[in-house]
N, C-alpha and C. Protein backbone atom coordinates (compact mmCIF):
# COMPACT_ATOMS: atom_id res chain seq x y z
N MET A 1 0.83 -1.20 0.00
CA MET A 1 0.00 0.00 0.00
C MET A 1 0.87 1.26 0.00
N LEU A 2 1.98 1.20 0.72
CA LEU A 2 2.89 2.34 0.75
C LEU A 2 3.42 2.65 -0.65
N LEU A 3 3.66 1.60 -1.44
CA LEU A 3 4.13 1.79 -2.81
C LEU A 3 3.13 2.63 -3.61
N HIS A 4 1.84 2.38 -3.43
CA HIS A 4 0.81 3.13 -4.16
C HIS A 4 0.88 4.62 -3.84
N TYR A 5 1.14 4.97 -2.58
CA TYR A 5 1.25 6.38 -2.21
C TYR A 5 2.47 7.03 -2.84
N TRP A 6 3.58 6.30 -2.89
CA TRP A 6 4.79 6.83 -3.52
C TRP A 6 4.60 7.03 -5.02
N VAL A 7 3.91 6.11 -5.66
CA VAL A 7 3.64 6.24 -7.10
C VAL A 7 2.73 7.44 -7.35
N LEU A 8 1.70 7.62 -6.52
CA LEU A 8 0.82 8.77 -6.66
C LEU A 8 1.59 10.07 -6.46
N LEU A 9 2.45 10.10 -5.46
CA LEU A 9 3.26 11.30 -5.20
C LEU A 9 4.16 11.59 -6.39
N LEU A 10 4.79 10.57 -6.95
CA LEU A 10 5.64 10.75 -8.12
C LEU A 10 4.85 11.31 -9.29
N CYS A 11 3.66 10.80 -9.49
CA CYS A 11 2.81 11.28 -10.59
C CYS A 11 2.45 12.76 -10.37
N LEU A 12 2.12 13.12 -9.15
CA LEU A 12 1.79 14.52 -8.85
C LEU A 12 2.97 15.43 -9.15
N LEU A 13 4.16 14.98 -8.80
CA LEU A 13 5.36 15.78 -9.08
C LEU A 13 5.60 15.91 -10.58
N LEU A 14 5.39 14.83 -11.32
CA LEU A 14 5.56 14.88 -12.77
C LEU A 14 4.53 15.81 -13.41
N LEU A 15 3.31 15.74 -12.93
CA LEU A 15 2.25 16.60 -13.49
C LEU A 15 2.54 18.07 -13.20
N SER A 16 2.97 18.37 -11.98
CA SER A 16 3.22 19.77 -11.64
C SER A 16 4.43 20.30 -12.40
N ALA A 17 5.39 19.45 -12.70
CA ALA A 17 6.56 19.90 -13.44
C ALA A 17 6.25 20.11 -14.92
N SER A 18 5.26 19.41 -15.45
CA SER A 18 4.98 19.50 -16.89
C SER A 18 3.82 20.43 -17.23
N ALA A 19 3.15 20.97 -16.24
CA ALA A 19 1.97 21.81 -16.52
C ALA A 19 2.40 23.17 -17.07
N ALA A 20 1.62 23.68 -18.02
CA ALA A 20 1.97 24.94 -18.66
C ALA A 20 1.31 26.14 -18.01
N GLU A 21 0.18 25.97 -17.35
CA GLU A 21 -0.52 27.10 -16.76
C GLU A 21 -0.90 26.79 -15.32
N GLU A 22 -1.05 27.79 -14.52
CA GLU A 22 -1.39 27.62 -13.12
C GLU A 22 -2.91 27.63 -12.95
N VAL A 23 -3.45 26.63 -12.28
CA VAL A 23 -4.86 26.59 -11.93
C VAL A 23 -4.96 26.13 -10.49
N GLU A 24 -6.04 26.49 -9.83
CA GLU A 24 -6.23 26.09 -8.45
C GLU A 24 -6.72 24.64 -8.40
N VAL A 25 -6.11 23.85 -7.52
CA VAL A 25 -6.48 22.45 -7.36
C VAL A 25 -7.35 22.32 -6.13
N PRO A 26 -8.48 21.61 -6.23
CA PRO A 26 -9.35 21.46 -5.06
C PRO A 26 -8.60 20.82 -3.89
N PRO A 27 -8.84 21.30 -2.64
CA PRO A 27 -8.13 20.78 -1.48
C PRO A 27 -8.30 19.28 -1.28
N LEU A 28 -9.45 18.71 -1.67
CA LEU A 28 -9.68 17.28 -1.51
C LEU A 28 -8.65 16.47 -2.29
N PHE A 29 -8.24 16.97 -3.45
CA PHE A 29 -7.26 16.30 -4.28
C PHE A 29 -5.90 16.22 -3.60
N LEU A 30 -5.61 17.17 -2.75
CA LEU A 30 -4.31 17.25 -2.11
C LEU A 30 -4.22 16.48 -0.80
N ARG A 31 -5.31 15.96 -0.30
CA ARG A 31 -5.30 15.26 0.98
C ARG A 31 -4.30 14.12 0.97
N GLY A 32 -3.44 14.08 1.96
CA GLY A 32 -2.47 13.00 2.09
C GLY A 32 -1.20 13.20 1.27
N THR A 33 -0.99 14.36 0.67
CA THR A 33 0.21 14.58 -0.12
C THR A 33 1.16 15.56 0.54
N ALA A 34 1.07 15.71 1.83
CA ALA A 34 2.00 16.53 2.62
C ALA A 34 2.08 17.97 2.11
N GLY A 35 0.95 18.51 1.67
CA GLY A 35 0.90 19.91 1.28
C GLY A 35 1.42 20.21 -0.11
N LEU A 36 1.80 19.21 -0.88
CA LEU A 36 2.26 19.47 -2.24
C LEU A 36 1.09 19.92 -3.08
N SER A 37 1.33 20.85 -3.97
CA SER A 37 0.26 21.29 -4.85
C SER A 37 0.60 20.95 -6.28
N SER A 38 -0.41 20.85 -7.08
CA SER A 38 -0.23 20.55 -8.49
C SER A 38 -0.84 21.68 -9.30
N SER A 39 -0.20 22.04 -10.39
CA SER A 39 -0.75 23.09 -11.23
C SER A 39 -1.50 22.51 -12.42
N LYS A 40 -1.65 21.20 -12.46
CA LYS A 40 -2.39 20.55 -13.55
C LYS A 40 -3.90 20.66 -13.28
N ASP A 41 -4.66 20.93 -14.32
CA ASP A 41 -6.10 21.04 -14.21
C ASP A 41 -6.68 19.69 -13.81
N VAL A 42 -7.54 19.69 -12.80
CA VAL A 42 -8.23 18.48 -12.36
C VAL A 42 -9.63 18.54 -12.96
N SER A 43 -9.83 17.78 -14.02
CA SER A 43 -11.08 17.84 -14.77
C SER A 43 -12.13 16.94 -14.14
N ILE A 44 -13.36 17.40 -14.14
CA ILE A 44 -14.48 16.58 -13.69
C ILE A 44 -15.34 16.16 -14.88
N ASP A 45 -14.86 16.44 -16.10
CA ASP A 45 -15.58 16.06 -17.31
C ASP A 45 -15.42 14.57 -17.56
N PHE A 46 -16.45 13.98 -18.16
CA PHE A 46 -16.41 12.58 -18.53
C PHE A 46 -15.40 12.41 -19.66
N PRO A 47 -14.54 11.38 -19.62
CA PRO A 47 -13.54 11.22 -20.68
C PRO A 47 -14.17 10.90 -22.03
N SER A 48 -13.49 11.33 -23.08
CA SER A 48 -13.98 11.03 -24.43
C SER A 48 -13.78 9.55 -24.71
N VAL A 49 -14.40 9.09 -25.80
CA VAL A 49 -14.24 7.69 -26.20
C VAL A 49 -12.77 7.42 -26.52
N GLU A 50 -12.10 8.35 -27.18
CA GLU A 50 -10.68 8.19 -27.51
C GLU A 50 -9.83 8.06 -26.24
N GLU A 51 -10.09 8.90 -25.24
CA GLU A 51 -9.35 8.81 -23.98
C GLU A 51 -9.61 7.48 -23.28
N ALA A 52 -10.86 7.04 -23.27
CA ALA A 52 -11.20 5.77 -22.63
C ALA A 52 -10.50 4.60 -23.34
N LEU A 53 -10.44 4.65 -24.67
CA LEU A 53 -9.75 3.60 -25.42
C LEU A 53 -8.24 3.61 -25.14
N ASP A 54 -7.66 4.81 -25.05
CA ASP A 54 -6.24 4.92 -24.70
C ASP A 54 -5.96 4.29 -23.35
N MET A 55 -6.80 4.56 -22.37
CA MET A 55 -6.60 4.01 -21.03
C MET A 55 -6.81 2.49 -21.02
N ALA A 56 -7.76 1.99 -21.81
CA ALA A 56 -7.98 0.54 -21.90
C ALA A 56 -6.76 -0.14 -22.52
N LYS A 57 -6.17 0.49 -23.54
CA LYS A 57 -4.96 -0.06 -24.16
C LYS A 57 -3.80 -0.09 -23.16
N LEU A 58 -3.68 0.96 -22.35
CA LEU A 58 -2.63 0.99 -21.33
C LEU A 58 -2.85 -0.11 -20.30
N SER A 59 -4.10 -0.33 -19.95
CA SER A 59 -4.43 -1.37 -18.98
C SER A 59 -4.00 -2.74 -19.49
N ALA A 60 -4.20 -2.99 -20.78
CA ALA A 60 -3.77 -4.26 -21.38
C ALA A 60 -2.25 -4.31 -21.53
N LEU A 61 -1.64 -3.17 -21.80
CA LEU A 61 -0.20 -3.10 -22.02
C LEU A 61 0.62 -3.51 -20.80
N VAL A 62 0.18 -3.14 -19.62
CA VAL A 62 0.97 -3.42 -18.42
C VAL A 62 1.21 -4.91 -18.23
N TYR A 63 0.31 -5.75 -18.73
CA TYR A 63 0.47 -7.20 -18.61
C TYR A 63 1.65 -7.72 -19.45
N GLU A 64 1.99 -7.02 -20.54
CA GLU A 64 3.12 -7.43 -21.38
C GLU A 64 4.45 -7.34 -20.65
N PHE A 65 4.53 -6.49 -19.65
CA PHE A 65 5.79 -6.24 -18.96
C PHE A 65 6.12 -7.32 -17.93
N LYS A 66 5.15 -8.12 -17.54
CA LYS A 66 5.33 -9.09 -16.45
C LYS A 66 6.46 -10.08 -16.73
N GLU A 67 6.57 -10.56 -17.93
CA GLU A 67 7.56 -11.58 -18.27
C GLU A 67 8.84 -11.00 -18.88
N LYS A 68 8.98 -9.69 -18.93
CA LYS A 68 10.14 -9.06 -19.57
C LYS A 68 11.23 -8.76 -18.53
N ASP A 69 12.43 -8.46 -19.02
CA ASP A 69 13.51 -8.11 -18.11
C ASP A 69 13.40 -6.65 -17.67
N SER A 70 14.29 -6.25 -16.76
CA SER A 70 14.19 -4.92 -16.16
C SER A 70 14.49 -3.79 -17.15
N LYS A 71 15.17 -4.06 -18.25
CA LYS A 71 15.49 -3.02 -19.23
C LYS A 71 14.36 -2.77 -20.22
N TYR A 72 13.38 -3.64 -20.25
CA TYR A 72 12.30 -3.55 -21.24
C TYR A 72 11.57 -2.20 -21.15
N CYS A 73 11.28 -1.74 -19.96
CA CYS A 73 10.55 -0.48 -19.79
C CYS A 73 11.34 0.69 -20.36
N SER A 74 12.61 0.78 -20.03
CA SER A 74 13.39 1.94 -20.47
C SER A 74 13.55 2.01 -21.98
N GLN A 75 13.38 0.88 -22.66
CA GLN A 75 13.52 0.83 -24.11
C GLN A 75 12.17 0.84 -24.83
N PHE A 76 11.08 0.76 -24.09
CA PHE A 76 9.77 0.60 -24.71
C PHE A 76 9.19 1.93 -25.21
N GLN A 77 8.75 1.93 -26.45
CA GLN A 77 7.91 2.99 -27.01
C GLN A 77 7.15 2.37 -28.17
N ASN A 78 5.81 2.51 -28.15
CA ASN A 78 5.02 1.90 -29.21
C ASN A 78 4.69 2.90 -30.32
N ALA A 79 4.02 2.43 -31.35
CA ALA A 79 3.69 3.26 -32.51
C ALA A 79 2.73 4.40 -32.18
N GLU A 80 1.99 4.26 -31.08
CA GLU A 80 1.03 5.31 -30.69
C GLU A 80 1.69 6.40 -29.85
N GLY A 81 2.98 6.29 -29.60
CA GLY A 81 3.70 7.32 -28.84
C GLY A 81 3.76 7.08 -27.35
N VAL A 82 3.30 5.92 -26.88
CA VAL A 82 3.34 5.60 -25.45
C VAL A 82 4.74 5.15 -25.10
N LYS A 83 5.30 5.78 -24.08
CA LYS A 83 6.64 5.46 -23.61
C LYS A 83 6.57 5.08 -22.14
N CYS A 84 7.24 4.00 -21.78
CA CYS A 84 7.27 3.56 -20.38
C CYS A 84 8.31 4.37 -19.63
N GLN A 85 7.91 5.01 -18.54
CA GLN A 85 8.84 5.78 -17.71
C GLN A 85 9.32 4.98 -16.51
N TRP A 86 8.47 4.08 -16.00
CA TRP A 86 8.83 3.31 -14.81
C TRP A 86 7.90 2.11 -14.72
N TYR A 87 8.46 0.97 -14.31
CA TYR A 87 7.67 -0.24 -14.13
C TYR A 87 8.17 -0.97 -12.90
N PHE A 88 7.22 -1.52 -12.12
CA PHE A 88 7.58 -2.28 -10.93
C PHE A 88 6.65 -3.49 -10.84
N HIS A 89 7.25 -4.64 -10.49
CA HIS A 89 6.47 -5.85 -10.27
C HIS A 89 6.91 -6.46 -8.95
N ASP A 90 6.01 -6.43 -7.97
CA ASP A 90 6.26 -7.07 -6.68
C ASP A 90 5.76 -8.50 -6.81
N GLU A 91 6.69 -9.43 -6.99
CA GLU A 91 6.30 -10.81 -7.24
C GLU A 91 5.67 -11.49 -6.04
N THR A 92 5.99 -11.03 -4.82
CA THR A 92 5.38 -11.65 -3.64
C THR A 92 3.91 -11.31 -3.53
N LEU A 93 3.53 -10.09 -3.89
CA LEU A 93 2.13 -9.68 -3.81
C LEU A 93 1.41 -9.76 -5.16
N GLY A 94 2.17 -9.83 -6.24
CA GLY A 94 1.57 -9.86 -7.56
C GLY A 94 1.24 -8.47 -8.09
N THR A 95 1.65 -7.43 -7.39
CA THR A 95 1.35 -6.06 -7.81
C THR A 95 2.23 -5.65 -8.98
N GLN A 96 1.60 -5.10 -10.01
CA GLN A 96 2.32 -4.54 -11.16
C GLN A 96 1.84 -3.11 -11.36
N VAL A 97 2.78 -2.20 -11.54
CA VAL A 97 2.43 -0.81 -11.78
C VAL A 97 3.40 -0.22 -12.80
N MET A 98 2.87 0.62 -13.67
CA MET A 98 3.67 1.26 -14.70
C MET A 98 3.29 2.73 -14.76
N ILE A 99 4.29 3.58 -14.96
CA ILE A 99 4.03 4.98 -15.28
C ILE A 99 4.37 5.14 -16.75
N ALA A 100 3.37 5.54 -17.52
CA ALA A 100 3.53 5.69 -18.97
C ALA A 100 3.30 7.15 -19.35
N GLU A 101 3.95 7.55 -20.43
CA GLU A 101 3.82 8.92 -20.92
C GLU A 101 3.49 8.88 -22.41
N ASN A 102 2.61 9.77 -22.82
CA ASN A 102 2.38 9.98 -24.24
C ASN A 102 2.58 11.47 -24.48
N HIS A 103 3.75 11.82 -24.97
CA HIS A 103 4.10 13.23 -25.17
C HIS A 103 3.20 13.88 -26.22
N GLU A 104 2.84 13.11 -27.27
CA GLU A 104 1.99 13.65 -28.34
C GLU A 104 0.61 14.04 -27.82
N LYS A 105 0.06 13.23 -26.92
CA LYS A 105 -1.28 13.51 -26.38
C LYS A 105 -1.22 14.26 -25.07
N GLY A 106 -0.03 14.44 -24.51
CA GLY A 106 0.15 15.28 -23.33
C GLY A 106 -0.34 14.67 -22.03
N TYR A 107 -0.04 13.39 -21.78
CA TYR A 107 -0.45 12.81 -20.50
C TYR A 107 0.60 11.88 -19.92
N PHE A 108 0.55 11.73 -18.61
CA PHE A 108 1.21 10.68 -17.86
C PHE A 108 0.09 9.83 -17.29
N ALA A 109 0.30 8.52 -17.22
CA ALA A 109 -0.71 7.63 -16.66
C ALA A 109 -0.06 6.65 -15.70
N ILE A 110 -0.70 6.42 -14.57
CA ILE A 110 -0.29 5.38 -13.65
C ILE A 110 -1.21 4.20 -13.92
N VAL A 111 -0.60 3.07 -14.29
CA VAL A 111 -1.38 1.91 -14.74
C VAL A 111 -1.08 0.73 -13.82
N PHE A 112 -2.12 0.16 -13.25
CA PHE A 112 -1.99 -1.02 -12.39
C PHE A 112 -2.55 -2.23 -13.12
N ALA A 113 -1.89 -3.36 -12.96
CA ALA A 113 -2.43 -4.61 -13.48
C ALA A 113 -3.44 -5.14 -12.48
N GLY A 114 -4.47 -5.73 -12.97
CA GLY A 114 -5.49 -6.30 -12.10
C GLY A 114 -5.16 -7.74 -11.72
N THR A 115 -6.14 -8.44 -11.26
CA THR A 115 -5.98 -9.83 -10.85
C THR A 115 -5.87 -10.70 -12.09
N ASP A 116 -4.76 -11.46 -12.19
CA ASP A 116 -4.57 -12.27 -13.39
C ASP A 116 -4.13 -13.71 -13.12
N ASP A 117 -4.11 -14.11 -11.85
CA ASP A 117 -3.76 -15.50 -11.55
C ASP A 117 -4.40 -15.93 -10.23
N LEU A 118 -4.26 -17.20 -9.92
CA LEU A 118 -4.89 -17.75 -8.72
C LEU A 118 -4.34 -17.11 -7.45
N ARG A 119 -3.02 -16.92 -7.38
CA ARG A 119 -2.42 -16.35 -6.18
C ARG A 119 -2.98 -14.96 -5.86
N THR A 120 -3.05 -14.08 -6.86
CA THR A 120 -3.58 -12.74 -6.59
C THR A 120 -5.09 -12.78 -6.35
N SER A 121 -5.78 -13.75 -6.93
CA SER A 121 -7.21 -13.91 -6.64
C SER A 121 -7.41 -14.25 -5.17
N LEU A 122 -6.58 -15.15 -4.66
CA LEU A 122 -6.67 -15.51 -3.24
C LEU A 122 -6.28 -14.33 -2.34
N GLU A 123 -5.27 -13.58 -2.76
CA GLU A 123 -4.86 -12.40 -1.99
C GLU A 123 -5.98 -11.36 -1.96
N ASP A 124 -6.64 -11.16 -3.10
CA ASP A 124 -7.76 -10.22 -3.18
C ASP A 124 -8.92 -10.66 -2.29
N ALA A 125 -9.11 -11.96 -2.17
CA ALA A 125 -10.22 -12.50 -1.37
C ALA A 125 -9.90 -12.49 0.13
N ASN A 126 -8.67 -12.21 0.49
CA ASN A 126 -8.25 -12.20 1.89
C ASN A 126 -8.71 -10.89 2.55
N ILE A 127 -9.99 -10.82 2.88
CA ILE A 127 -10.55 -9.60 3.45
C ILE A 127 -11.13 -9.91 4.83
N PHE A 128 -10.37 -9.64 5.84
CA PHE A 128 -10.82 -9.83 7.20
C PHE A 128 -11.04 -8.46 7.83
N GLN A 129 -12.15 -8.34 8.52
CA GLN A 129 -12.43 -7.08 9.20
C GLN A 129 -11.57 -6.98 10.45
N LYS A 130 -11.14 -5.78 10.72
CA LYS A 130 -10.34 -5.52 11.92
C LYS A 130 -11.02 -4.40 12.67
N PRO A 131 -10.88 -4.38 14.01
CA PRO A 131 -11.48 -3.30 14.80
C PRO A 131 -10.87 -1.96 14.38
N PHE A 132 -11.73 -0.97 14.36
CA PHE A 132 -11.28 0.37 13.97
C PHE A 132 -11.27 1.26 15.17
C-alpha cells in the first residue's frame, strides 16, 4: 500500500513539473500529499471515447511487462507514442504498476495490473475485518 502512495506522489510531481498554466487544485485532491500542490487542471468532465480507449490499451499493455527483463521499460515505445517511464512488479504480492507517458497527447498515466492468476485472486479475497 505504501508503494501506491509513492507512485501517486511521483505522478503529482511529474504533473506539476509538466503543466503549462497555473490553476487552483481542489483541497480534496491534495489530501495526504503533505501539502504538495499541483498546477495541472483536475477535470471533472467525462472522458472522451478516444481517452477511454487509450486508457484501456494501457491497462492491457501493463500485462506485457510481467515476463520481460528490467530493461524492457526503459527501451519501450510503441507506434502510438506511449513510452514507459517506470515499471515495478512485486512478485510476492503480484502487484504490477507502470508509469507511462504519451508526449503527443500530453499525459502521464499510472497503470496497475489487475488480478490475473490464482495467487492474486486468493490475496484479493483475503478480506478480514479488523477493529477500527
